[in-house]
Amino acid sequence: MAHKPNLTHERTHGGIVAGIDEAGRGPWAGPVVAAAAILGKKRPPHMNDSKKLKAQDREAIFNVLITQCTYGVGIATTEEIDSLNILQATKLAMVRAFKNLGTMPCAVLIDGNQPPVLPCKVQAIIGGDGESLTIAAASIIAKVTRDRMMRQLALEHPGYGWERNAGYGTQCHQDAIATLGVTIHHRRSFRPIREILEKLSAEKLSA
């Protein structure tokens, strides 16, 4: 039977425990979004690491989850990603999500091994969204929130397929950049985008 996230890590801390996770570290476009979540006594069934859920299942769980838990969302913009780097921008989004939680937990469980500095005990768990039910909840909130944002940006910038690829560097996305160019939502500090811009700049100089 496949391992499912549970409350083992939460119980070691006692008291109120929050989980934090992010969505959108890897895409070539769009913000990075973090969510912090504190589970209530009621919680949706079938919660899991957001990456292991189908899109429609994530949406359904999200719609129930946000009525049953305390949560906060934090966003770091494309500009902040380019000025800070993606790791520091992710930490910034996590800090903002924590602040938007509106409740001070006794401990925070964070997916990964690069936690931000927070005013309480922090436990970093590699693969935490597959281990901790609270982190899994945060991962679902972050992922669905970001996917919805990217679908909205896709309406403003049609042709890049962001409603399907969420800004990741798929072949469709690459082809669209070659045809339509780089938008204000593309991460210029990311090597593929930087190389495209450098190539365009070189072509203009040689023209």
N, C-alpha and C. Protein backbone atom coordinates (compact mmCIF):
# COMPACT_ATOMS: atom_id res chain seq x y z
N MET A 1 0.84 -1.19 0.00
CA MET A 1 0.00 0.00 0.00
C MET A 1 0.88 1.25 0.00
N ALA A 2 0.56 2.21 -0.84
CA ALA A 2 1.38 3.42 -0.97
C ALA A 2 1.34 4.24 0.31
N HIS A 3 2.49 4.81 0.64
CA HIS A 3 2.59 5.64 1.84
C HIS A 3 1.80 6.94 1.63
N LYS A 4 1.03 7.32 2.62
CA LYS A 4 0.26 8.55 2.56
C LYS A 4 0.73 9.49 3.68
N PRO A 5 0.65 10.79 3.47
CA PRO A 5 1.01 11.73 4.54
C PRO A 5 0.11 11.53 5.75
N ASN A 6 0.69 11.74 6.93
CA ASN A 6 -0.07 11.54 8.16
C ASN A 6 0.31 12.62 9.17
N LEU A 7 -0.07 12.44 10.42
CA LEU A 7 0.15 13.46 11.46
C LEU A 7 1.25 13.09 12.44
N THR A 8 2.13 12.16 12.06
CA THR A 8 3.20 11.72 12.96
C THR A 8 4.10 12.89 13.38
N HIS A 9 4.55 13.69 12.42
CA HIS A 9 5.44 14.81 12.74
C HIS A 9 4.72 15.87 13.58
N GLU A 10 3.46 16.11 13.26
CA GLU A 10 2.69 17.10 14.01
C GLU A 10 2.58 16.72 15.48
N ARG A 11 2.37 15.43 15.74
CA ARG A 11 2.15 14.97 17.11
C ARG A 11 3.41 15.08 17.98
N THR A 12 4.58 15.06 17.33
CA THR A 12 5.82 15.17 18.12
C THR A 12 5.97 16.57 18.72
N HIS A 13 5.30 17.55 18.14
CA HIS A 13 5.42 18.92 18.62
C HIS A 13 4.34 19.28 19.64
N GLY A 14 3.16 18.70 19.50
CA GLY A 14 2.06 19.07 20.38
C GLY A 14 1.61 20.49 20.07
N GLY A 15 0.46 20.87 20.57
CA GLY A 15 -0.01 22.23 20.33
C GLY A 15 -0.39 22.46 18.87
N ILE A 16 -0.44 23.74 18.49
CA ILE A 16 -0.83 24.11 17.13
C ILE A 16 0.39 24.03 16.21
N VAL A 17 0.26 23.24 15.16
CA VAL A 17 1.35 23.06 14.20
C VAL A 17 0.86 23.48 12.82
N ALA A 18 1.65 24.29 12.15
CA ALA A 18 1.33 24.72 10.78
C ALA A 18 2.26 24.02 9.80
N GLY A 19 1.78 23.84 8.60
CA GLY A 19 2.59 23.32 7.51
C GLY A 19 2.76 24.39 6.46
N ILE A 20 3.93 24.46 5.84
CA ILE A 20 4.17 25.43 4.76
C ILE A 20 4.77 24.71 3.56
N ASP A 21 4.27 25.05 2.38
CA ASP A 21 4.84 24.53 1.14
C ASP A 21 4.67 25.58 0.05
N GLU A 22 5.36 25.37 -1.05
CA GLU A 22 5.30 26.34 -2.16
C GLU A 22 4.94 25.65 -3.46
N ALA A 23 4.56 26.46 -4.43
CA ALA A 23 4.33 25.99 -5.78
C ALA A 23 4.95 27.00 -6.74
N GLY A 24 5.66 26.49 -7.74
CA GLY A 24 6.15 27.40 -8.77
C GLY A 24 7.61 27.78 -8.69
N ARG A 25 8.46 26.94 -8.13
CA ARG A 25 9.89 27.27 -8.13
C ARG A 25 10.50 27.06 -9.51
N GLY A 26 10.02 26.07 -10.24
CA GLY A 26 10.66 25.70 -11.49
C GLY A 26 10.20 26.39 -12.77
N PRO A 27 8.98 26.93 -12.82
CA PRO A 27 8.49 27.50 -14.08
C PRO A 27 9.34 28.66 -14.60
N TRP A 28 9.20 28.92 -15.89
CA TRP A 28 9.91 30.03 -16.53
C TRP A 28 9.14 31.34 -16.40
N ALA A 29 7.87 31.26 -15.99
CA ALA A 29 7.03 32.45 -15.93
C ALA A 29 6.12 32.40 -14.72
N GLY A 30 5.73 33.59 -14.25
CA GLY A 30 4.77 33.68 -13.16
C GLY A 30 5.41 33.75 -11.79
N PRO A 31 4.61 34.03 -10.78
CA PRO A 31 5.11 34.16 -9.41
C PRO A 31 5.38 32.81 -8.77
N VAL A 32 6.03 32.84 -7.62
CA VAL A 32 6.10 31.66 -6.76
C VAL A 32 5.10 31.91 -5.63
N VAL A 33 4.34 30.87 -5.30
CA VAL A 33 3.26 30.99 -4.32
C VAL A 33 3.50 30.01 -3.18
N ALA A 34 3.38 30.50 -1.96
CA ALA A 34 3.50 29.64 -0.78
C ALA A 34 2.20 29.67 0.00
N ALA A 35 1.94 28.60 0.72
CA ALA A 35 0.77 28.56 1.59
C ALA A 35 1.17 28.00 2.94
N ALA A 36 0.54 28.54 3.97
CA ALA A 36 0.69 28.01 5.33
C ALA A 36 -0.68 27.52 5.77
N ALA A 37 -0.72 26.37 6.42
CA ALA A 37 -2.01 25.79 6.79
C ALA A 37 -1.96 25.18 8.19
N ILE A 38 -3.05 25.35 8.91
CA ILE A 38 -3.26 24.68 10.20
C ILE A 38 -4.54 23.88 10.06
N LEU A 39 -4.45 22.58 10.19
CA LEU A 39 -5.62 21.72 10.00
C LEU A 39 -6.57 21.81 11.19
N GLY A 40 -7.86 21.74 10.89
CA GLY A 40 -8.87 21.65 11.93
C GLY A 40 -9.16 20.19 12.24
N LYS A 41 -10.16 19.97 13.07
CA LYS A 41 -10.52 18.58 13.42
C LYS A 41 -11.12 17.86 12.22
N LYS A 42 -11.84 18.61 11.38
CA LYS A 42 -12.37 18.04 10.15
C LYS A 42 -11.39 18.32 9.03
N ARG A 43 -11.23 17.36 8.13
CA ARG A 43 -10.35 17.57 6.98
C ARG A 43 -10.83 16.70 5.84
N PRO A 44 -10.59 17.13 4.61
CA PRO A 44 -11.07 16.35 3.46
C PRO A 44 -10.40 14.99 3.41
N PRO A 45 -11.12 13.97 2.97
CA PRO A 45 -10.47 12.67 2.74
C PRO A 45 -9.58 12.74 1.51
N HIS A 46 -8.71 11.78 1.37
CA HIS A 46 -7.87 11.62 0.18
C HIS A 46 -6.85 12.73 0.00
N MET A 47 -6.51 13.46 1.07
CA MET A 47 -5.47 14.47 0.94
C MET A 47 -4.12 13.78 0.71
N ASN A 48 -3.32 14.40 -0.16
CA ASN A 48 -2.01 13.83 -0.48
C ASN A 48 -1.13 14.96 -0.99
N ASP A 49 0.14 14.66 -1.19
CA ASP A 49 1.04 15.58 -1.88
C ASP A 49 0.34 16.05 -3.15
N SER A 50 0.29 17.38 -3.35
CA SER A 50 -0.47 17.93 -4.48
C SER A 50 0.00 17.37 -5.82
N LYS A 51 1.30 17.03 -5.91
CA LYS A 51 1.84 16.52 -7.17
C LYS A 51 1.30 15.13 -7.51
N LYS A 52 0.77 14.43 -6.51
CA LYS A 52 0.25 13.08 -6.73
C LYS A 52 -1.25 13.08 -7.00
N LEU A 53 -1.86 14.25 -7.03
CA LEU A 53 -3.30 14.36 -7.25
C LEU A 53 -3.59 14.88 -8.65
N LYS A 54 -4.67 14.39 -9.24
CA LYS A 54 -5.13 14.94 -10.51
C LYS A 54 -5.66 16.35 -10.28
N ALA A 55 -5.61 17.17 -11.33
CA ALA A 55 -6.00 18.57 -11.20
C ALA A 55 -7.40 18.72 -10.65
N GLN A 56 -8.35 17.92 -11.15
CA GLN A 56 -9.73 18.06 -10.68
C GLN A 56 -9.88 17.62 -9.23
N ASP A 57 -9.06 16.65 -8.81
CA ASP A 57 -9.10 16.20 -7.41
C ASP A 57 -8.50 17.28 -6.49
N ARG A 58 -7.41 17.92 -6.94
CA ARG A 58 -6.82 19.02 -6.17
C ARG A 58 -7.84 20.13 -5.96
N GLU A 59 -8.52 20.49 -7.03
CA GLU A 59 -9.52 21.57 -6.96
C GLU A 59 -10.63 21.21 -5.97
N ALA A 60 -11.11 19.98 -6.05
CA ALA A 60 -12.20 19.55 -5.17
C ALA A 60 -11.77 19.56 -3.71
N ILE A 61 -10.56 19.04 -3.45
CA ILE A 61 -10.04 19.02 -2.07
C ILE A 61 -9.81 20.44 -1.58
N PHE A 62 -9.24 21.28 -2.44
CA PHE A 62 -8.99 22.69 -2.09
C PHE A 62 -10.28 23.38 -1.65
N ASN A 63 -11.35 23.20 -2.41
CA ASN A 63 -12.61 23.88 -2.11
C ASN A 63 -13.17 23.49 -0.75
N VAL A 64 -12.94 22.25 -0.34
CA VAL A 64 -13.38 21.80 0.99
C VAL A 64 -12.37 22.23 2.05
N LEU A 65 -11.10 22.07 1.72
CA LEU A 65 -10.02 22.34 2.68
C LEU A 65 -10.05 23.76 3.22
N ILE A 66 -10.27 24.73 2.35
CA ILE A 66 -10.22 26.13 2.79
C ILE A 66 -11.38 26.49 3.72
N THR A 67 -12.40 25.63 3.79
CA THR A 67 -13.50 25.86 4.74
C THR A 67 -13.24 25.16 6.07
N GLN A 68 -12.22 24.30 6.11
CA GLN A 68 -11.99 23.47 7.29
C GLN A 68 -10.66 23.75 7.99
N CYS A 69 -9.83 24.61 7.41
CA CYS A 69 -8.53 24.88 8.02
C CYS A 69 -8.27 26.37 8.08
N THR A 70 -7.29 26.73 8.87
CA THR A 70 -6.79 28.11 8.90
C THR A 70 -5.61 28.17 7.95
N TYR A 71 -5.61 29.15 7.07
CA TYR A 71 -4.52 29.19 6.09
C TYR A 71 -4.16 30.62 5.70
N GLY A 72 -2.96 30.75 5.16
CA GLY A 72 -2.50 32.02 4.63
C GLY A 72 -1.71 31.75 3.36
N VAL A 73 -1.79 32.69 2.43
CA VAL A 73 -1.08 32.56 1.16
C VAL A 73 -0.09 33.70 1.03
N GLY A 74 1.09 33.41 0.52
CA GLY A 74 2.11 34.43 0.28
C GLY A 74 2.63 34.31 -1.14
N ILE A 75 2.87 35.44 -1.77
CA ILE A 75 3.31 35.46 -3.16
C ILE A 75 4.59 36.28 -3.29
N ALA A 76 5.51 35.78 -4.09
CA ALA A 76 6.68 36.58 -4.50
C ALA A 76 6.58 36.75 -6.01
N THR A 77 6.67 37.98 -6.46
CA THR A 77 6.44 38.31 -7.86
C THR A 77 7.62 37.90 -8.75
N THR A 78 7.38 37.96 -10.04
CA THR A 78 8.45 37.70 -11.01
C THR A 78 9.62 38.67 -10.79
N GLU A 79 9.30 39.93 -10.52
CA GLU A 79 10.34 40.93 -10.28
C GLU A 79 11.17 40.57 -9.05
N GLU A 80 10.51 40.09 -8.00
CA GLU A 80 11.24 39.70 -6.79
C GLU A 80 12.08 38.46 -7.04
N ILE A 81 11.58 37.53 -7.83
CA ILE A 81 12.36 36.34 -8.18
C ILE A 81 13.64 36.76 -8.91
N ASP A 82 13.50 37.70 -9.86
CA ASP A 82 14.66 38.13 -10.64
C ASP A 82 15.66 38.93 -9.80
N SER A 83 15.17 39.69 -8.83
CA SER A 83 16.08 40.53 -8.04
C SER A 83 16.70 39.77 -6.88
N LEU A 84 16.00 38.80 -6.32
CA LEU A 84 16.49 38.10 -5.13
C LEU A 84 17.15 36.76 -5.46
N ASN A 85 16.67 36.06 -6.45
CA ASN A 85 16.89 34.67 -6.88
C ASN A 85 15.73 33.83 -6.36
N ILE A 86 15.52 32.68 -7.00
CA ILE A 86 14.30 31.91 -6.73
C ILE A 86 14.26 31.37 -5.30
N LEU A 87 15.41 30.98 -4.73
CA LEU A 87 15.41 30.46 -3.37
C LEU A 87 14.97 31.52 -2.37
N GLN A 88 15.57 32.72 -2.46
CA GLN A 88 15.23 33.78 -1.52
C GLN A 88 13.80 34.27 -1.73
N ALA A 89 13.35 34.29 -2.98
CA ALA A 89 11.97 34.70 -3.27
C ALA A 89 10.99 33.67 -2.69
N THR A 90 11.34 32.39 -2.76
CA THR A 90 10.50 31.35 -2.18
C THR A 90 10.39 31.51 -0.67
N LYS A 91 11.53 31.80 -0.03
CA LYS A 91 11.51 32.03 1.42
C LYS A 91 10.66 33.25 1.77
N LEU A 92 10.75 34.29 0.93
CA LEU A 92 9.95 35.49 1.15
C LEU A 92 8.45 35.16 1.05
N ALA A 93 8.07 34.37 0.05
CA ALA A 93 6.67 33.96 -0.10
C ALA A 93 6.21 33.15 1.12
N MET A 94 7.10 32.31 1.64
CA MET A 94 6.76 31.50 2.82
C MET A 94 6.55 32.38 4.05
N VAL A 95 7.42 33.37 4.23
CA VAL A 95 7.27 34.31 5.36
C VAL A 95 5.94 35.06 5.23
N ARG A 96 5.61 35.49 4.04
CA ARG A 96 4.34 36.20 3.82
C ARG A 96 3.14 35.29 4.10
N ALA A 97 3.23 34.03 3.69
CA ALA A 97 2.15 33.07 3.97
C ALA A 97 1.98 32.88 5.47
N PHE A 98 3.11 32.77 6.17
CA PHE A 98 3.08 32.62 7.63
C PHE A 98 2.40 33.82 8.28
N LYS A 99 2.77 35.02 7.85
CA LYS A 99 2.17 36.24 8.41
C LYS A 99 0.68 36.31 8.13
N ASN A 100 0.28 35.83 6.96
CA ASN A 100 -1.13 35.87 6.59
C ASN A 100 -1.96 34.78 7.25
N LEU A 101 -1.28 33.88 7.96
CA LEU A 101 -1.98 32.83 8.71
C LEU A 101 -2.84 33.43 9.82
N GLY A 102 -2.33 34.48 10.43
CA GLY A 102 -3.10 35.17 11.47
C GLY A 102 -3.13 34.45 12.80
N THR A 103 -2.41 33.34 12.93
CA THR A 103 -2.34 32.56 14.16
C THR A 103 -0.89 32.18 14.40
N MET A 104 -0.45 32.27 15.65
CA MET A 104 0.93 31.89 15.96
C MET A 104 0.98 30.42 16.38
N PRO A 105 1.51 29.54 15.54
CA PRO A 105 1.64 28.13 15.92
C PRO A 105 2.82 27.93 16.86
N CYS A 106 2.86 26.77 17.49
CA CYS A 106 4.01 26.45 18.34
C CYS A 106 5.17 25.93 17.49
N ALA A 107 4.84 25.41 16.31
CA ALA A 107 5.87 24.89 15.42
C ALA A 107 5.36 24.94 13.98
N VAL A 108 6.31 24.97 13.05
CA VAL A 108 5.99 24.95 11.63
C VAL A 108 6.78 23.84 10.96
N LEU A 109 6.09 23.05 10.16
CA LEU A 109 6.72 22.01 9.35
C LEU A 109 6.82 22.54 7.92
N ILE A 110 8.01 22.49 7.35
CA ILE A 110 8.22 23.05 6.01
C ILE A 110 8.81 21.99 5.09
N ASP A 111 8.26 21.92 3.89
CA ASP A 111 8.78 20.99 2.90
C ASP A 111 10.14 21.46 2.41
N GLY A 112 11.10 20.53 2.33
CA GLY A 112 12.41 20.88 1.80
C GLY A 112 13.48 20.96 2.87
N ASN A 113 14.61 21.57 2.53
CA ASN A 113 15.73 21.68 3.48
C ASN A 113 16.27 23.10 3.59
N GLN A 114 15.49 24.09 3.07
CA GLN A 114 15.93 25.49 3.10
C GLN A 114 14.82 26.34 3.71
N PRO A 115 14.56 26.19 5.01
CA PRO A 115 13.44 26.92 5.60
C PRO A 115 13.76 28.40 5.81
N PRO A 116 12.74 29.24 5.79
CA PRO A 116 12.94 30.64 6.12
C PRO A 116 13.05 30.82 7.63
N VAL A 117 13.46 31.99 8.05
CA VAL A 117 13.51 32.30 9.48
C VAL A 117 12.12 32.74 9.92
N LEU A 118 11.55 32.05 10.90
CA LEU A 118 10.22 32.37 11.42
C LEU A 118 10.28 32.51 12.93
N PRO A 119 9.32 33.22 13.53
CA PRO A 119 9.35 33.47 14.97
C PRO A 119 8.81 32.32 15.81
N CYS A 120 9.08 31.10 15.39
CA CYS A 120 8.68 29.92 16.17
C CYS A 120 9.57 28.77 15.74
N LYS A 121 9.39 27.62 16.35
CA LYS A 121 10.18 26.44 16.00
C LYS A 121 9.86 26.01 14.58
N VAL A 122 10.90 25.67 13.80
CA VAL A 122 10.73 25.26 12.42
C VAL A 122 11.40 23.90 12.21
N GLN A 123 10.67 22.98 11.60
CA GLN A 123 11.24 21.68 11.23
C GLN A 123 11.15 21.52 9.72
N ALA A 124 12.29 21.39 9.07
CA ALA A 124 12.33 21.18 7.63
C ALA A 124 12.32 19.68 7.35
N ILE A 125 11.45 19.26 6.44
CA ILE A 125 11.31 17.84 6.11
C ILE A 125 11.44 17.66 4.61
N ILE A 126 12.48 16.99 4.17
CA ILE A 126 12.65 16.71 2.75
C ILE A 126 11.55 15.74 2.32
N GLY A 127 10.84 16.10 1.25
CA GLY A 127 9.70 15.30 0.84
C GLY A 127 8.54 15.41 1.80
N GLY A 128 8.48 16.54 2.49
CA GLY A 128 7.49 16.72 3.55
C GLY A 128 6.05 16.67 3.08
N ASP A 129 5.79 17.05 1.82
CA ASP A 129 4.41 17.03 1.34
C ASP A 129 3.89 15.61 1.17
N GLY A 130 4.80 14.63 1.16
CA GLY A 130 4.39 13.23 1.13
C GLY A 130 4.44 12.57 2.49
N GLU A 131 4.90 13.32 3.52
CA GLU A 131 5.04 12.80 4.88
C GLU A 131 4.02 13.40 5.84
N SER A 132 3.87 14.70 5.77
CA SER A 132 3.03 15.44 6.74
C SER A 132 1.71 15.85 6.10
N LEU A 133 0.61 15.53 6.77
CA LEU A 133 -0.71 15.89 6.26
C LEU A 133 -0.88 17.41 6.24
N THR A 134 -0.26 18.09 7.19
CA THR A 134 -0.37 19.55 7.25
C THR A 134 0.39 20.20 6.09
N ILE A 135 1.58 19.68 5.78
CA ILE A 135 2.33 20.19 4.63
C ILE A 135 1.58 19.86 3.33
N ALA A 136 1.00 18.67 3.27
CA ALA A 136 0.22 18.29 2.08
C ALA A 136 -0.92 19.28 1.85
N ALA A 137 -1.58 19.67 2.94
CA ALA A 137 -2.67 20.66 2.83
C ALA A 137 -2.13 21.97 2.27
N ALA A 138 -0.99 22.41 2.79
CA ALA A 138 -0.37 23.66 2.29
C ALA A 138 0.02 23.52 0.83
N SER A 139 0.49 22.34 0.43
CA SER A 139 0.91 22.13 -0.96
C SER A 139 -0.28 22.22 -1.90
N ILE A 140 -1.42 21.71 -1.48
CA ILE A 140 -2.64 21.78 -2.31
C ILE A 140 -3.11 23.22 -2.45
N ILE A 141 -3.11 23.95 -1.34
CA ILE A 141 -3.55 25.36 -1.39
C ILE A 141 -2.62 26.18 -2.27
N ALA A 142 -1.32 25.97 -2.12
CA ALA A 142 -0.35 26.73 -2.92
C ALA A 142 -0.49 26.40 -4.40
N LYS A 143 -0.60 25.12 -4.73
CA LYS A 143 -0.66 24.68 -6.12
C LYS A 143 -1.93 25.17 -6.81
N VAL A 144 -3.08 25.00 -6.17
CA VAL A 144 -4.34 25.41 -6.78
C VAL A 144 -4.38 26.93 -6.93
N THR A 145 -3.91 27.65 -5.91
CA THR A 145 -3.88 29.11 -5.98
C THR A 145 -3.02 29.57 -7.15
N ARG A 146 -1.84 28.97 -7.29
CA ARG A 146 -0.94 29.39 -8.38
C ARG A 146 -1.50 29.00 -9.75
N ASP A 147 -2.05 27.80 -9.85
CA ASP A 147 -2.61 27.38 -11.14
C ASP A 147 -3.72 28.33 -11.59
N ARG A 148 -4.53 28.77 -10.64
CA ARG A 148 -5.60 29.72 -10.97
C ARG A 148 -5.02 31.05 -11.42
N MET A 149 -3.97 31.48 -10.78
CA MET A 149 -3.29 32.72 -11.19
C MET A 149 -2.75 32.60 -12.61
N MET A 150 -2.16 31.45 -12.91
CA MET A 150 -1.58 31.26 -14.23
C MET A 150 -2.67 31.18 -15.31
N ARG A 151 -3.82 30.62 -14.95
CA ARG A 151 -4.92 30.59 -15.91
C ARG A 151 -5.40 32.01 -16.21
N GLN A 152 -5.40 32.86 -15.19
CA GLN A 152 -5.78 34.26 -15.40
C GLN A 152 -4.75 34.98 -16.27
N LEU A 153 -3.47 34.74 -16.01
CA LEU A 153 -2.42 35.35 -16.83
C LEU A 153 -2.48 34.84 -18.26
N ALA A 154 -2.93 33.59 -18.44
CA ALA A 154 -3.05 33.03 -19.78
C ALA A 154 -4.11 33.78 -20.60
N LEU A 155 -5.14 34.28 -19.93
CA LEU A 155 -6.16 35.07 -20.62
C LEU A 155 -5.58 36.40 -21.09
N GLU A 156 -4.66 36.95 -20.28
CA GLU A 156 -4.05 38.25 -20.62
C GLU A 156 -2.93 38.09 -21.65
N HIS A 157 -2.31 36.91 -21.67
CA HIS A 157 -1.21 36.64 -22.59
C HIS A 157 -1.46 35.30 -23.28
N PRO A 158 -2.42 35.25 -24.21
CA PRO A 158 -2.75 33.98 -24.86
C PRO A 158 -1.63 33.50 -25.76
N GLY A 159 -1.59 32.20 -25.94
CA GLY A 159 -0.62 31.60 -26.86
C GLY A 159 0.51 30.85 -26.20
N TYR A 160 0.77 31.14 -24.92
CA TYR A 160 1.89 30.48 -24.23
C TYR A 160 1.47 29.16 -23.56
N GLY A 161 0.17 28.93 -23.48
CA GLY A 161 -0.31 27.69 -22.89
C GLY A 161 -0.22 27.63 -21.38
N TRP A 162 -0.16 28.80 -20.74
CA TRP A 162 0.01 28.81 -19.28
C TRP A 162 -1.15 28.15 -18.54
N GLU A 163 -2.32 28.12 -19.18
CA GLU A 163 -3.46 27.45 -18.55
C GLU A 163 -3.24 25.95 -18.46
N ARG A 164 -2.32 25.44 -19.27
CA ARG A 164 -2.00 24.01 -19.25
C ARG A 164 -0.63 23.73 -18.63
N ASN A 165 0.37 24.55 -18.94
CA ASN A 165 1.73 24.24 -18.48
C ASN A 165 2.15 25.02 -17.23
N ALA A 166 1.28 25.94 -16.77
CA ALA A 166 1.53 26.72 -15.54
C ALA A 166 2.86 27.48 -15.57
N GLY A 167 3.36 27.76 -16.79
CA GLY A 167 4.59 28.52 -16.92
C GLY A 167 5.85 27.69 -17.02
N TYR A 168 5.72 26.36 -16.94
CA TYR A 168 6.90 25.49 -17.08
C TYR A 168 7.38 25.51 -18.53
N GLY A 169 8.64 25.14 -18.72
CA GLY A 169 9.27 25.24 -20.03
C GLY A 169 8.95 24.10 -20.97
N THR A 170 7.68 23.86 -21.20
CA THR A 170 7.27 22.81 -22.14
C THR A 170 7.62 23.22 -23.57
N GLN A 171 7.53 22.26 -24.48
CA GLN A 171 7.83 22.57 -25.88
C GLN A 171 6.87 23.61 -26.43
N CYS A 172 5.60 23.49 -26.05
CA CYS A 172 4.60 24.47 -26.47
C CYS A 172 4.97 25.88 -26.00
N HIS A 173 5.42 25.96 -24.76
CA HIS A 173 5.82 27.25 -24.19
C HIS A 173 7.05 27.80 -24.92
N GLN A 174 8.01 26.94 -25.17
CA GLN A 174 9.22 27.36 -25.89
C GLN A 174 8.90 27.87 -27.29
N ASP A 175 8.01 27.14 -27.97
CA ASP A 175 7.62 27.54 -29.32
C ASP A 175 6.92 28.90 -29.30
N ALA A 176 6.09 29.12 -28.27
CA ALA A 176 5.36 30.38 -28.16
C ALA A 176 6.32 31.55 -27.91
N ILE A 177 7.33 31.33 -27.08
CA ILE A 177 8.32 32.38 -26.82
C ILE A 177 9.06 32.74 -28.11
N ALA A 178 9.39 31.71 -28.91
CA ALA A 178 10.09 31.95 -30.18
C ALA A 178 9.23 32.78 -31.13
N THR A 179 7.91 32.57 -31.06
CA THR A 179 6.99 33.28 -31.97
C THR A 179 6.52 34.62 -31.41
N LEU A 180 6.16 34.60 -30.11
CA LEU A 180 5.50 35.77 -29.51
C LEU A 180 6.44 36.64 -28.68
N GLY A 181 7.59 36.09 -28.32
CA GLY A 181 8.54 36.86 -27.51
C GLY A 181 8.37 36.65 -26.02
N VAL A 182 9.15 37.39 -25.26
CA VAL A 182 9.19 37.29 -23.80
C VAL A 182 8.25 38.34 -23.20
N THR A 183 7.43 37.92 -22.23
CA THR A 183 6.49 38.83 -21.58
C THR A 183 7.07 39.39 -20.28
N ILE A 184 6.33 40.30 -19.67
CA ILE A 184 6.76 40.85 -18.37
C ILE A 184 6.68 39.82 -17.25
N HIS A 185 5.99 38.71 -17.52
CA HIS A 185 5.83 37.67 -16.50
C HIS A 185 6.89 36.58 -16.60
N HIS A 186 7.76 36.66 -17.60
CA HIS A 186 8.84 35.68 -17.71
C HIS A 186 9.99 36.03 -16.77
N ARG A 187 10.60 35.02 -16.22
CA ARG A 187 11.68 35.20 -15.25
C ARG A 187 13.00 35.39 -15.98
N ARG A 188 13.42 36.62 -16.07
CA ARG A 188 14.61 36.95 -16.84
C ARG A 188 15.90 36.41 -16.22
N SER A 189 15.87 36.09 -14.94
CA SER A 189 17.05 35.54 -14.28
C SER A 189 17.21 34.04 -14.55
N PHE A 190 16.18 33.41 -15.09
CA PHE A 190 16.27 31.98 -15.40
C PHE A 190 17.05 31.81 -16.71
N ARG A 191 17.96 30.86 -16.73
CA ARG A 191 18.89 30.73 -17.85
C ARG A 191 18.21 30.64 -19.22
N PRO A 192 17.16 29.81 -19.40
CA PRO A 192 16.55 29.74 -20.74
C PRO A 192 16.03 31.09 -21.24
N ILE A 193 15.40 31.86 -20.34
CA ILE A 193 14.87 33.17 -20.73
C ILE A 193 16.01 34.15 -20.94
N ARG A 194 17.00 34.11 -20.06
CA ARG A 194 18.16 34.99 -20.19
C ARG A 194 18.88 34.75 -21.52
N GLU A 195 19.03 33.48 -21.90
CA GLU A 195 19.72 33.14 -23.15
C GLU A 195 18.92 33.61 -24.36
N ILE A 196 17.61 33.52 -24.30
CA ILE A 196 16.76 34.00 -25.39
C ILE A 196 16.92 35.51 -25.54
N LEU A 197 16.90 36.23 -24.42
CA LEU A 197 17.04 37.69 -24.46
C LEU A 197 18.43 38.10 -24.95
N GLU A 198 19.45 37.37 -24.52
CA GLU A 198 20.81 37.66 -24.97
C GLU A 198 20.95 37.42 -26.47
N LYS A 199 20.31 36.38 -26.97
CA LYS A 199 20.35 36.08 -28.40
C LYS A 199 19.66 37.18 -29.21
N LEU A 200 18.50 37.62 -28.71
CA LEU A 200 17.75 38.68 -29.39
C LEU A 200 18.57 39.98 -29.40
N SER A 201 19.21 40.26 -28.27
CA SER A 201 20.03 41.47 -28.16
C SER A 201 21.20 41.42 -29.13
N ALA A 202 21.84 40.26 -29.23
CA ALA A 202 22.96 40.09 -30.15
C ALA A 202 22.52 40.24 -31.60
N GLU A 203 21.35 39.72 -31.91
CA GLU A 203 20.82 39.82 -33.28
C GLU A 203 20.54 41.27 -33.66
N LYS A 204 20.03 42.04 -32.69
CA LYS A 204 19.75 43.45 -32.95
C LYS A 204 21.04 44.24 -33.20
N LEU A 205 22.08 43.90 -32.41
CA LEU A 205 23.36 44.60 -32.56
C LEU A 205 24.02 44.29 -33.90
N SER A 206 23.84 43.05 -34.36
CA SER A 206 24.48 42.65 -35.61
C SER A 206 23.68 43.04 -36.85
N ALA A 207 22.42 43.45 -36.62
CA ALA A 207 21.54 43.80 -37.76
C ALA A 207 21.98 45.10 -38.41
